[in-house]
Amino acid sequence: MRRIAVSSVLAVSLWGCSHAPSTPPAAPPPTSASQPSAAPPPAPASSAPPAANAVDPAAVQALQKMGAYLQTLRTFEAQVDLSGERVLQDGQKLLHMATAKVDVQRPNMLRAEMRSARSARDLIYDGKTVVLYLPEQKYYSKAPFTENLDALGNRLQERYGIELPVADLFLWGTPQAPLDNMTSAMNAGQDVVEGEVCDHYAFRQGNVDWQIWIATGARPLPRKLVITNRADEARPQSVSLIRWRINPGFKESRFAFTPPQGATEAKFVPLKSQ
């Protein structure tokens, strides 16, 4: 049985980043020589800059509300269109695109089909075994696994360096939701994403800025995510658009894997311990 290393799968995770609005500089005090002792007049309230690094509790609560709703979904399909920037050594940016289609049946069944011009990957989990299949090369690897979906993403990343698309969808609404280390959280108003009115929020966590657009109304689904990496001087971004189908009827075979004719099994290669 051939042994191959498993490289990182298409990265379409739901924790994001984007530029927060810049803070306007305060107006300089008057410098008129005819009034040397006069105190500068106070700036109008409308021109006062917003507080820096403020965490608005309402923005955090919007994430918690979104997470609580996501946890109520027993079955769903998420179609993700991702565009991401790659920065060359001279600073030039190249934009690449990829897609992921993720079918989920809680608590422990998933099928993710990830496609780009460079690769195709299928990840299938039936609650007992997780399989990574490369349809173009006809190689597949499998490993036993029995935990729920909220643990699947972390385990795959830690053991094999495989990144599960939109992995944070399974963490929102749980104690593992990525809500720590926030230094900024704000409501940025409303926008329309593919015809749907959404509330727009912006956050900063460490070297990551991120924005999320959450549908208004009774179904607060995340519809768009923008991620900016502030650790890189070029500030590369990724943009994810998410389309939803709620409560689809999946056949049991959707989460089963039968090796196609001519497919070859290849062992998962665990990451070396640091």
Protein backbone atom coordinates (compact mmCIF):
# COMPACT_ATOMS: atom_id res chain seq x y z
CA MET A 1 0.00 0.00 0.00
CA ARG A 2 1.53 3.29 -1.10
CA ARG A 3 2.38 5.87 1.56
CA ILE A 4 1.92 9.56 0.79
CA ALA A 5 2.01 12.71 2.87
CA VAL A 6 -1.29 14.56 3.26
CA SER A 7 -0.92 18.27 2.51
CA SER A 8 -3.23 20.94 3.85
CA VAL A 9 -6.65 20.85 2.24
CA LEU A 10 -8.42 23.93 0.88
CA ALA A 11 -8.52 26.51 3.65
CA VAL A 12 -12.05 27.83 3.96
CA SER A 13 -12.37 28.50 7.67
CA LEU A 14 -15.04 30.81 9.17
CA TRP A 15 -12.85 32.91 11.39
CA GLY A 16 -11.97 36.01 9.49
CA CYS A 17 -10.49 39.40 9.28
CA SER A 18 -10.77 42.73 7.56
CA HIS A 19 -9.82 46.37 7.90
CA ALA A 20 -11.71 48.29 10.55
CA PRO A 21 -12.60 51.88 9.62
CA SER A 22 -9.64 54.18 10.22
CA THR A 23 -9.90 56.64 13.10
CA PRO A 24 -9.95 60.26 11.86
CA PRO A 25 -7.35 62.54 13.47
CA ALA A 26 -8.54 65.06 16.00
CA ALA A 27 -8.79 68.65 14.75
CA PRO A 28 -5.67 70.73 15.67
CA PRO A 29 -6.15 73.60 18.15
CA PRO A 30 -6.37 77.15 16.77
CA THR A 31 -3.02 78.86 16.30
CA SER A 32 -4.17 82.48 15.85
CA ALA A 33 -1.54 84.95 17.24
CA SER A 34 -4.28 87.42 18.22
CA GLN A 35 -5.58 85.07 20.92
CA PRO A 36 -2.47 83.67 22.58
CA SER A 37 -4.11 83.03 25.95
CA ALA A 38 -7.45 81.77 24.74
CA ALA A 39 -8.17 78.10 25.30
CA PRO A 40 -9.01 76.18 22.14
CA PRO A 41 -12.75 75.67 21.69
CA PRO A 42 -14.01 72.15 22.24
CA ALA A 43 -14.44 70.08 19.09
CA PRO A 44 -18.03 69.50 18.03
CA ALA A 45 -19.43 66.21 19.23
CA SER A 46 -19.94 65.03 15.67
CA SER A 47 -16.20 65.31 14.89
CA ALA A 48 -14.97 63.44 17.96
CA PRO A 49 -13.07 60.29 16.95
CA PRO A 50 -14.54 56.95 18.03
CA ALA A 51 -12.96 55.21 20.98
CA ALA A 52 -10.02 53.07 19.90
CA ASN A 53 -10.04 49.32 20.51
CA ALA A 54 -13.55 49.35 21.99
CA VAL A 55 -15.38 46.04 22.29
CA ASP A 56 -19.10 46.56 21.79
CA PRO A 57 -20.94 43.86 23.79
CA ALA A 58 -23.82 43.96 21.30
CA ALA A 59 -21.47 42.91 18.49
CA VAL A 60 -20.24 39.94 20.54
CA GLN A 61 -23.84 39.05 21.40
CA ALA A 62 -24.64 38.98 17.68
CA LEU A 63 -21.99 36.28 17.23
CA GLN A 64 -23.43 34.34 20.16
CA LYS A 65 -26.93 34.58 18.69
CA MET A 66 -25.64 33.36 15.35
CA GLY A 67 -23.88 30.45 17.05
CA ALA A 68 -26.96 29.47 19.03
CA TYR A 69 -28.96 29.34 15.81
CA LEU A 70 -26.31 27.32 13.98
CA GLN A 71 -26.41 24.74 16.76
CA THR A 72 -30.13 24.18 16.13
CA LEU A 73 -29.50 23.10 12.52
CA ARG A 74 -29.50 19.32 12.34
CA THR A 75 -28.88 19.12 8.60
CA PHE A 76 -27.63 21.77 6.21
CA GLU A 77 -25.67 22.39 3.04
CA ALA A 78 -23.17 25.25 2.84
CA GLN A 79 -21.72 26.31 -0.49
CA VAL A 80 -18.62 28.48 -0.06
CA ASP A 81 -16.98 30.60 -2.76
CA LEU A 82 -13.56 31.71 -1.59
CA SER A 83 -11.09 34.20 -3.04
CA GLY A 84 -7.76 34.72 -1.35
CA GLU A 85 -4.64 36.78 -1.93
CA ARG A 86 -1.13 35.36 -2.18
CA VAL A 87 1.72 37.85 -1.78
CA LEU A 88 4.90 37.45 -3.82
CA GLN A 89 8.32 38.38 -2.47
CA ASP A 90 8.24 41.72 -4.29
CA GLY A 91 4.88 42.58 -2.71
CA GLN A 92 2.71 41.88 -5.74
CA LYS A 93 -0.58 40.20 -4.89
CA LEU A 94 -2.13 37.31 -6.79
CA LEU A 95 -5.79 36.42 -6.30
CA HIS A 96 -6.78 32.75 -6.27
CA MET A 97 -10.25 31.22 -6.08
CA ALA A 98 -11.66 27.99 -4.72
CA THR A 99 -15.00 26.47 -3.73
CA ALA A 100 -16.24 24.10 -1.06
CA LYS A 101 -19.57 22.32 -0.75
CA VAL A 102 -20.20 21.03 2.76
CA ASP A 103 -23.10 18.71 3.61
CA VAL A 104 -23.72 18.16 7.32
CA GLN A 105 -25.91 15.88 9.37
CA ARG A 106 -25.35 16.38 13.07
CA PRO A 107 -23.92 15.18 15.30
CA ASN A 108 -21.27 13.29 13.37
CA MET A 109 -21.72 13.08 9.59
CA LEU A 110 -20.11 15.30 6.99
CA ARG A 111 -19.14 15.39 3.35
CA ALA A 112 -16.97 18.25 2.06
CA GLU A 113 -16.06 18.62 -1.61
CA MET A 114 -13.24 21.13 -2.13
CA ARG A 115 -12.20 22.34 -5.55
CA SER A 116 -9.66 24.73 -7.02
CA ALA A 117 -7.67 24.93 -10.25
CA ARG A 118 -4.79 23.22 -8.44
CA SER A 119 -6.50 20.43 -6.56
CA ALA A 120 -9.64 18.49 -5.77
CA ARG A 121 -10.30 16.98 -2.35
CA ASP A 122 -13.25 15.14 -0.82
CA LEU A 123 -13.53 14.66 2.93
CA ILE A 124 -16.13 12.15 4.12
CA TYR A 125 -17.04 11.29 7.71
CA ASP A 126 -19.72 8.78 8.69
CA GLY A 127 -19.27 8.92 12.46
CA LYS A 128 -16.83 6.01 12.50
CA THR A 129 -14.23 6.67 9.83
CA VAL A 130 -12.90 9.82 8.21
CA VAL A 131 -11.75 9.54 4.60
CA LEU A 132 -9.76 11.93 2.43
CA TYR A 133 -10.16 11.21 -1.29
CA LEU A 134 -8.28 12.77 -4.20
CA PRO A 135 -10.58 12.12 -7.18
CA GLU A 136 -8.11 13.23 -9.85
CA GLN A 137 -5.31 10.98 -8.58
CA LYS A 138 -7.69 8.31 -7.27
CA TYR A 139 -5.92 8.05 -3.93
CA TYR A 140 -7.75 7.80 -0.63
CA SER A 141 -6.71 7.69 3.02
CA LYS A 142 -8.83 6.76 6.00
CA ALA A 143 -8.56 6.81 9.77
CA PRO A 144 -10.86 5.75 12.62
CA PHE A 145 -12.67 8.59 14.35
CA THR A 146 -15.78 8.65 16.55
CA GLU A 147 -16.05 12.19 17.93
CA ASN A 148 -18.62 14.78 16.91
CA LEU A 149 -18.11 17.47 14.29
CA ASP A 150 -17.06 20.15 16.77
CA ALA A 151 -13.92 18.08 17.48
CA LEU A 152 -13.26 16.86 13.93
CA GLY A 153 -11.63 20.03 12.60
CA ASN A 154 -9.12 20.36 15.44
CA ARG A 155 -8.19 16.68 15.36
CA LEU A 156 -7.56 16.67 11.61
CA GLN A 157 -5.45 19.82 11.87
CA GLU A 158 -3.42 18.58 14.84
CA ARG A 159 -2.80 15.05 13.60
CA TYR A 160 -2.51 15.42 9.84
CA GLY A 161 -2.37 19.12 8.96
CA ILE A 162 -5.71 18.90 7.17
CA GLU A 163 -7.89 22.00 7.37
CA LEU A 164 -11.61 21.36 7.39
CA PRO A 165 -13.63 23.91 5.38
CA VAL A 166 -15.71 26.30 7.51
CA ALA A 167 -14.60 24.39 10.63
CA ASP A 168 -15.73 27.21 12.92
CA LEU A 169 -19.34 26.61 11.90
CA PHE A 170 -19.26 23.69 14.30
CA LEU A 171 -17.72 25.72 17.14
CA TRP A 172 -20.05 28.74 17.20
CA GLY A 173 -22.59 28.30 19.96
CA THR A 174 -20.26 26.08 22.01
CA PRO A 175 -17.72 26.90 24.74
CA GLN A 176 -15.00 26.50 22.09
CA ALA A 177 -16.30 29.44 20.02
CA PRO A 178 -13.40 31.77 19.04
CA LEU A 179 -14.41 34.76 21.17
CA ASP A 180 -11.22 35.30 23.16
CA ASN A 181 -8.55 38.00 22.78
CA MET A 182 -10.87 40.53 21.14
CA THR A 183 -9.52 44.06 21.21
CA SER A 184 -12.15 45.58 18.94
CA ALA A 185 -15.75 44.69 18.08
CA MET A 186 -18.19 46.98 16.32
CA ASN A 187 -21.45 47.12 14.42
CA ALA A 188 -20.63 48.55 10.98
CA GLY A 189 -24.23 48.98 9.83
CA GLN A 190 -26.12 46.97 7.23
CA ASP A 191 -25.33 45.74 3.72
CA VAL A 192 -27.00 43.54 1.15
CA VAL A 193 -25.27 40.24 0.36
CA GLU A 194 -26.64 38.56 -2.76
CA GLY A 195 -30.03 40.17 -2.25
CA GLU A 196 -30.27 39.48 1.50
CA VAL A 197 -30.10 42.25 4.10
CA CYS A 198 -27.32 41.54 6.60
CA ASP A 199 -25.92 43.12 9.73
CA HIS A 200 -22.24 43.89 9.25
CA TYR A 201 -19.78 43.46 12.15
CA ALA A 202 -16.01 44.02 12.38
CA PHE A 203 -13.61 42.49 14.90
CA ARG A 204 -9.93 42.45 15.77
CA GLN A 205 -8.18 39.53 17.45
CA GLY A 206 -4.40 39.57 17.67
CA ASN A 207 -2.93 40.00 14.18
CA VAL A 208 -6.25 39.21 12.54
CA ASP A 209 -8.97 41.66 11.56
CA TRP A 210 -12.22 40.15 10.40
CA GLN A 211 -15.65 41.17 9.21
CA ILE A 212 -18.79 39.11 9.09
CA TRP A 213 -22.18 39.74 7.51
CA ILE A 214 -25.05 38.00 9.34
CA ALA A 215 -28.51 37.72 7.81
CA THR A 216 -31.19 39.71 9.60
CA GLY A 217 -34.47 38.15 10.73
CA ALA A 218 -35.27 34.76 12.21
CA ARG A 219 -32.34 32.96 10.54
CA PRO A 220 -29.08 34.72 11.54
CA LEU A 221 -26.83 32.85 9.12
CA PRO A 222 -23.31 34.05 8.29
CA ARG A 223 -23.36 35.08 4.61
CA LYS A 224 -19.99 36.72 4.03
CA LEU A 225 -16.62 36.76 5.73
CA VAL A 226 -13.57 38.94 5.03
CA ILE A 227 -10.21 38.15 6.60
CA THR A 228 -7.14 40.40 6.74
CA ASN A 229 -3.76 39.23 7.98
CA ARG A 230 -2.18 42.21 9.74
CA ALA A 231 0.97 40.23 10.53
CA ASP A 232 1.93 40.63 6.87
CA GLU A 233 2.83 44.16 5.74
CA ALA A 234 0.91 43.55 2.50
CA ARG A 235 -2.32 42.88 4.47
CA PRO A 236 -3.49 39.94 2.33
CA GLN A 237 -7.22 39.23 2.46
CA SER A 238 -9.56 36.37 1.85
CA VAL A 239 -13.26 36.73 1.09
CA SER A 240 -15.80 33.95 1.58
CA LEU A 241 -19.40 33.99 0.37
CA ILE A 242 -21.63 31.35 1.94
CA ARG A 243 -24.91 30.12 0.47
CA TRP A 244 -27.18 27.96 2.59
CA ARG A 245 -29.72 25.20 2.17
CA ILE A 246 -31.44 24.39 5.45
CA ASN A 247 -32.87 20.97 6.31
CA PRO A 248 -32.08 19.19 3.04
CA GLY A 249 -32.94 15.51 2.79
CA PHE A 250 -29.70 13.54 2.66
CA LYS A 251 -29.53 9.87 1.82
CA GLU A 252 -27.38 7.79 4.15
CA SER A 253 -25.09 6.98 1.24
CA ARG A 254 -24.11 10.66 1.05
CA PHE A 255 -21.79 10.14 4.04
CA ALA A 256 -20.46 6.73 3.03
CA PHE A 257 -17.33 6.13 1.01
CA THR A 258 -16.89 3.25 -1.39
CA PRO A 259 -13.54 3.30 -3.20
CA PRO A 260 -14.12 3.79 -6.92
CA GLN A 261 -12.74 1.21 -9.31
CA GLY A 262 -9.01 1.68 -9.71
CA ALA A 263 -8.61 3.77 -6.54
CA THR A 264 -5.52 3.17 -4.39
CA GLU A 265 -5.38 3.43 -0.61
CA ALA A 266 -2.60 5.55 0.84
CA LYS A 267 -1.81 5.84 4.52
CA PHE A 268 -2.40 9.05 6.41
CA VAL A 269 0.96 10.45 7.49
CA PRO A 270 0.70 12.10 10.93
CA LEU A 271 2.51 15.37 11.48
CA LYS A 272 5.85 15.10 13.22
CA SER A 273 5.73 16.05 16.88
CA GLN A 274 7.19 19.47 17.58
